[in-house]
C-alpha atoms as a PDB file:
ATOM      1  CA  MET A   1      62.420 114.990 105.061  1.00  0.00           C
ATOM      2  CA  PRO A   2      63.509 114.409 101.496  1.00  0.00           C
ATOM      3  CA  PRO A   3      61.410 113.921  99.018  1.00  0.00           C
ATOM      4  CA  ARG A   4      60.484 110.758  97.953  1.00  0.00           C
ATOM      5  CA  ARG A   5      58.855 108.927  94.843  1.00  0.00           C
ATOM      6  CA  THR A   6      58.433 105.277  94.069  1.00  0.00           C
ATOM      7  CA  PHE A   7      59.246 104.361  90.493  1.00  0.00           C
ATOM      8  CA  SER A   8      58.385 100.642  90.212  1.00  0.00           C
ATOM      9  CA  VAL A   9      55.521 100.102  87.799  1.00  0.00           C
ATOM     10  CA  PRO A  10      54.141 102.262  85.176  1.00  0.00           C
ATOM     11  CA  GLY A  11      50.833 103.373  85.865  1.00  0.00           C
ATOM     12  CA  PRO A  12      48.761 106.511  87.425  1.00  0.00           C
ATOM     13  CA  ARG A  13      51.907 108.392  89.385  1.00  0.00           C
ATOM     14  CA  HIS A  14      51.541 112.031  91.187  1.00  0.00           C
ATOM     15  CA  HIS A  15      54.518 114.580  91.940  1.00  0.00           C
ATOM     16  CA  HIS A  16      54.101 116.714  94.461  1.00  0.00           C
ATOM     17  CA  GLY A  17      56.881 119.615  94.767  1.00  0.00           C
ATOM     18  CA  LEU A  18      57.124 122.867  96.933  1.00  0.00           C
ATOM     19  CA  LEU A  19      60.549 124.497  97.904  1.00  0.00           C
ATOM     20  CA  PRO A  20      59.362 128.221  97.734  1.00  0.00           C
ATOM     21  CA  ARG A  21      62.153 130.725  97.241  1.00  0.00           C
ATOM     22  CA  GLY A  22      64.318 130.931 100.430  1.00  0.00           C
ATOM     23  CA  ALA A  23      63.065 127.656 101.895  1.00  0.00           C
ATOM     24  CA  THR A  24      63.783 124.424 102.491  1.00  0.00           C
ATOM     25  CA  HIS A  25      62.112 121.037 102.691  1.00  0.00           C
ATOM     26  CA  GLU A  26      61.936 121.054 105.859  1.00  0.00           C
ATOM     27  CA  ALA A  27      60.992 125.022 106.462  1.00  0.00           C
ATOM     28  CA  GLY A  28      57.861 124.794 103.918  1.00  0.00           C
ATOM     29  CA  PRO A  29      55.953 127.864 103.239  1.00  0.00           C
ATOM     30  CA  PRO A  30      54.736 130.103 106.169  1.00  0.00           C
ATOM     31  CA  PRO A  31      51.195 129.007 107.749  1.00  0.00           C
ATOM     32  CA  PHE A  32      47.880 130.500 106.969  1.00  0.00           C
ATOM     33  CA  LYS A  33      46.791 132.676 109.735  1.00  0.00           C
ATOM     34  CA  SER A  34      43.410 130.975 109.392  1.00  0.00           C
ATOM     35  CA  ALA A  35      42.793 127.498 110.407  1.00  0.00           C
ATOM     36  CA  ASP A  36      40.406 127.061 107.593  1.00  0.00           C
ATOM     37  CA  LEU A  37      40.991 125.395 104.360  1.00  0.00           C
ATOM     38  CA  LYS A  38      39.758 127.859 102.325  1.00  0.00           C
ATOM     39  CA  GLY A  39      40.352 130.877 104.633  1.00  0.00           C
ATOM     40  CA  GLY A  40      44.225 131.729 103.624  1.00  0.00           C
ATOM     41  CA  LEU A  41      44.620 134.958 102.284  1.00  0.00           C
ATOM     42  CA  ALA A  42      45.075 136.047  98.591  1.00  0.00           C
ATOM     43  CA  GLN A  43      48.964 136.701  99.553  1.00  0.00           C
ATOM     44  CA  GLU A  44      48.946 133.690 101.942  1.00  0.00           C
ATOM     45  CA  ALA A  45      47.524 131.765  98.979  1.00  0.00           C
ATOM     46  CA  LYS A  46      49.852 133.238  96.138  1.00  0.00           C
ATOM     47  CA  ASP A  47      53.171 132.596  98.647  1.00  0.00           C
ATOM     48  CA  ALA A  48      52.031 129.122  99.602  1.00  0.00           C
ATOM     49  CA  LEU A  49      52.188 127.917  95.577  1.00  0.00           C
ATOM     50  CA  ASP A  50      55.207 130.164  94.863  1.00  0.00           C
ATOM     51  CA  GLY A  51      58.080 127.989  93.440  1.00  0.00           C
ATOM     52  CA  ALA A  52      55.459 124.683  93.942  1.00  0.00           C
ATOM     53  CA  ALA A  53      55.077 122.147  91.422  1.00  0.00           C
ATOM     54  CA  VAL A  54      52.401 119.906  91.745  1.00  0.00           C
ATOM     55  CA  TYR A  55      50.911 117.434  88.634  1.00  0.00           C
ATOM     56  CA  PHE A  56      49.903 113.953  88.249  1.00  0.00           C
ATOM     57  CA  GLY A  57      49.618 111.644  85.401  1.00  0.00           C
ATOM     58  CA  THR A  58      51.536 108.362  84.066  1.00  0.00           C
ATOM     59  CA  TYR A  59      54.757 108.153  83.079  1.00  0.00           C
ATOM     60  CA  GLU A  60      57.107 105.627  81.129  1.00  0.00           C
ATOM     61  CA  THR A  61      60.635 105.242  80.992  1.00  0.00           C
ATOM     62  CA  GLU A  62      62.732 105.641  77.517  1.00  0.00           C
ATOM     63  CA  GLU A  63      66.270 103.383  78.264  1.00  0.00           C
ATOM     64  CA  GLN A  64      67.923 104.517  75.564  1.00  0.00           C
ATOM     65  CA  THR A  65      67.980 108.154  76.433  1.00  0.00           C
ATOM     66  CA  ASP A  66      67.836 107.818  79.957  1.00  0.00           C
ATOM     67  CA  THR A  67      64.591 110.023  80.540  1.00  0.00           C
ATOM     68  CA  VAL A  68      61.555 109.562  82.480  1.00  0.00           C
ATOM     69  CA  CYS A  69      58.382 111.192  80.828  1.00  0.00           C
ATOM     70  CA  HIS A  70      55.750 112.439  82.805  1.00  0.00           C
ATOM     71  CA  HIS A  71      52.234 112.343  80.621  1.00  0.00           C
ATOM     72  CA  ILE A  72      50.879 115.580  82.373  1.00  0.00           C
ATOM     73  CA  THR A  73      46.751 115.107  83.407  1.00  0.00           C
ATOM     74  CA  GLY A  74      46.674 117.795  86.160  1.00  0.00           C
ATOM     75  CA  SER A  75      48.514 120.318  87.772  1.00  0.00           C
ATOM     76  CA  VAL A  76      48.947 123.310  89.513  1.00  0.00           C
ATOM     77  CA  PHE A  77      50.354 124.971  86.368  1.00  0.00           C
ATOM     78  CA  PRO A  78      47.686 124.743  83.775  1.00  0.00           C
ATOM     79  CA  ASN A  79      49.979 124.890  80.702  1.00  0.00           C
ATOM     80  CA  TRP A  80      51.553 121.677  81.641  1.00  0.00           C
ATOM     81  CA  ILE A  81      48.493 119.523  81.338  1.00  0.00           C
ATOM     82  CA  GLY A  82      47.938 117.421  78.143  1.00  0.00           C
ATOM     83  CA  THR A  83      51.861 118.141  77.981  1.00  0.00           C
ATOM     84  CA  VAL A  84      54.287 115.598  78.084  1.00  0.00           C
ATOM     85  CA  GLN A  85      57.581 116.803  80.913  1.00  0.00           C
ATOM     86  CA  ARG A  86      60.209 114.930  80.028  1.00  0.00           C
ATOM     87  CA  ARG A  87      63.464 114.435  83.033  1.00  0.00           C
ATOM     88  CA  LYS A  88      66.841 113.249  82.585  1.00  0.00           C
ATOM     89  CA  ALA A  89      67.578 110.155  84.950  1.00  0.00           C
ATOM     90  CA  THR A  90      70.727 109.266  86.255  1.00  0.00           C
ATOM     91  CA  VAL A  91      71.194 106.722  89.368  1.00  0.00           C
ATOM     92  CA  LYS A  92      74.234 106.710  92.106  1.00  0.00           C
ATOM     93  CA  GLY A  93      74.014 104.277  93.991  1.00  0.00           C
ATOM     94  CA  ASN A  94      69.933 104.496  96.141  1.00  0.00           C
ATOM     95  CA  ARG A  95      69.884 107.958  94.274  1.00  0.00           C
ATOM     96  CA  LEU A  96      67.459 108.745  91.393  1.00  0.00           C
ATOM     97  CA  VAL A  97      68.431 112.377  89.948  1.00  0.00           C
ATOM     98  CA  LEU A  98      65.918 114.057  87.756  1.00  0.00           C
ATOM     99  CA  SER A  99      66.501 117.005  86.156  1.00  0.00           C
ATOM    100  CA  THR A 100      64.637 119.093  83.669  1.00  0.00           C
ATOM    101  CA  GLU A 101      65.489 120.907  80.601  1.00  0.00           C
ATOM    102  CA  PRO A 102      65.535 124.471  81.277  1.00  0.00           C
ATOM    103  CA  LEU A 103      62.027 125.735  82.214  1.00  0.00           C
ATOM    104  CA  LEU A 104      61.142 129.300  82.385  1.00  0.00           C
ATOM    105  CA  MET A 105      60.919 130.853  85.683  1.00  0.00           C
ATOM    106  CA  GLY A 106      60.032 134.285  87.106  1.00  0.00           C
ATOM    107  CA  GLY A 107      61.649 135.512  84.024  1.00  0.00           C
ATOM    108  CA  SER A 108      64.525 133.328  83.347  1.00  0.00           C
ATOM    109  CA  GLU A 109      65.658 130.028  82.662  1.00  0.00           C
ATOM    110  CA  SER A 110      66.531 127.403  85.077  1.00  0.00           C
ATOM    111  CA  VAL A 111      67.428 123.469  85.316  1.00  0.00           C
ATOM    112  CA  VAL A 112      65.798 121.902  88.171  1.00  0.00           C
ATOM    113  CA  VAL A 113      67.313 118.986  89.860  1.00  0.00           C
ATOM    114  CA  LEU A 114      65.666 116.636  92.167  1.00  0.00           C
ATOM    115  CA  GLU A 115      67.165 113.744  94.202  1.00  0.00           C
ATOM    116  CA  TRP A 116      65.124 110.939  95.197  1.00  0.00           C
ATOM    117  CA  GLN A 117      66.913 108.627  97.718  1.00  0.00           C
ATOM    118  CA  ARG A 118      65.956 104.512  97.875  1.00  0.00           C
ATOM    119  CA  MET A 119      64.627 104.296 101.563  1.00  0.00           C
ATOM    120  CA  GLY A 120      65.688 100.843 103.238  1.00  0.00           C
ATOM    121  CA  ARG A 121      63.442  97.838 102.889  1.00  0.00           C
END
């Protein structure tokens, strides 16, 4: 299932993104051996979050620069808390494409592109 997000009225929003290396949105990370929510082994927990981008806060749009600005109030990556993460926004038909500025990931810079599709009403 493709990721979903609603951009309508500015205000508190959250974003969950998870795509571990080598996985697809359908596959996701492997399950923990334990069914206990706090029972995962250290390596299982690390593997589950490797590649995750989970944050929440508010956003605003800058129409003159086609940018969405995420004001981060909480994140699994604590360095982002209190920052503004900017995403270049492009609308293509019923799709919204958000692109990051280059991000340091695993020792090299990468641009992450997220594509959201509007679902039928």
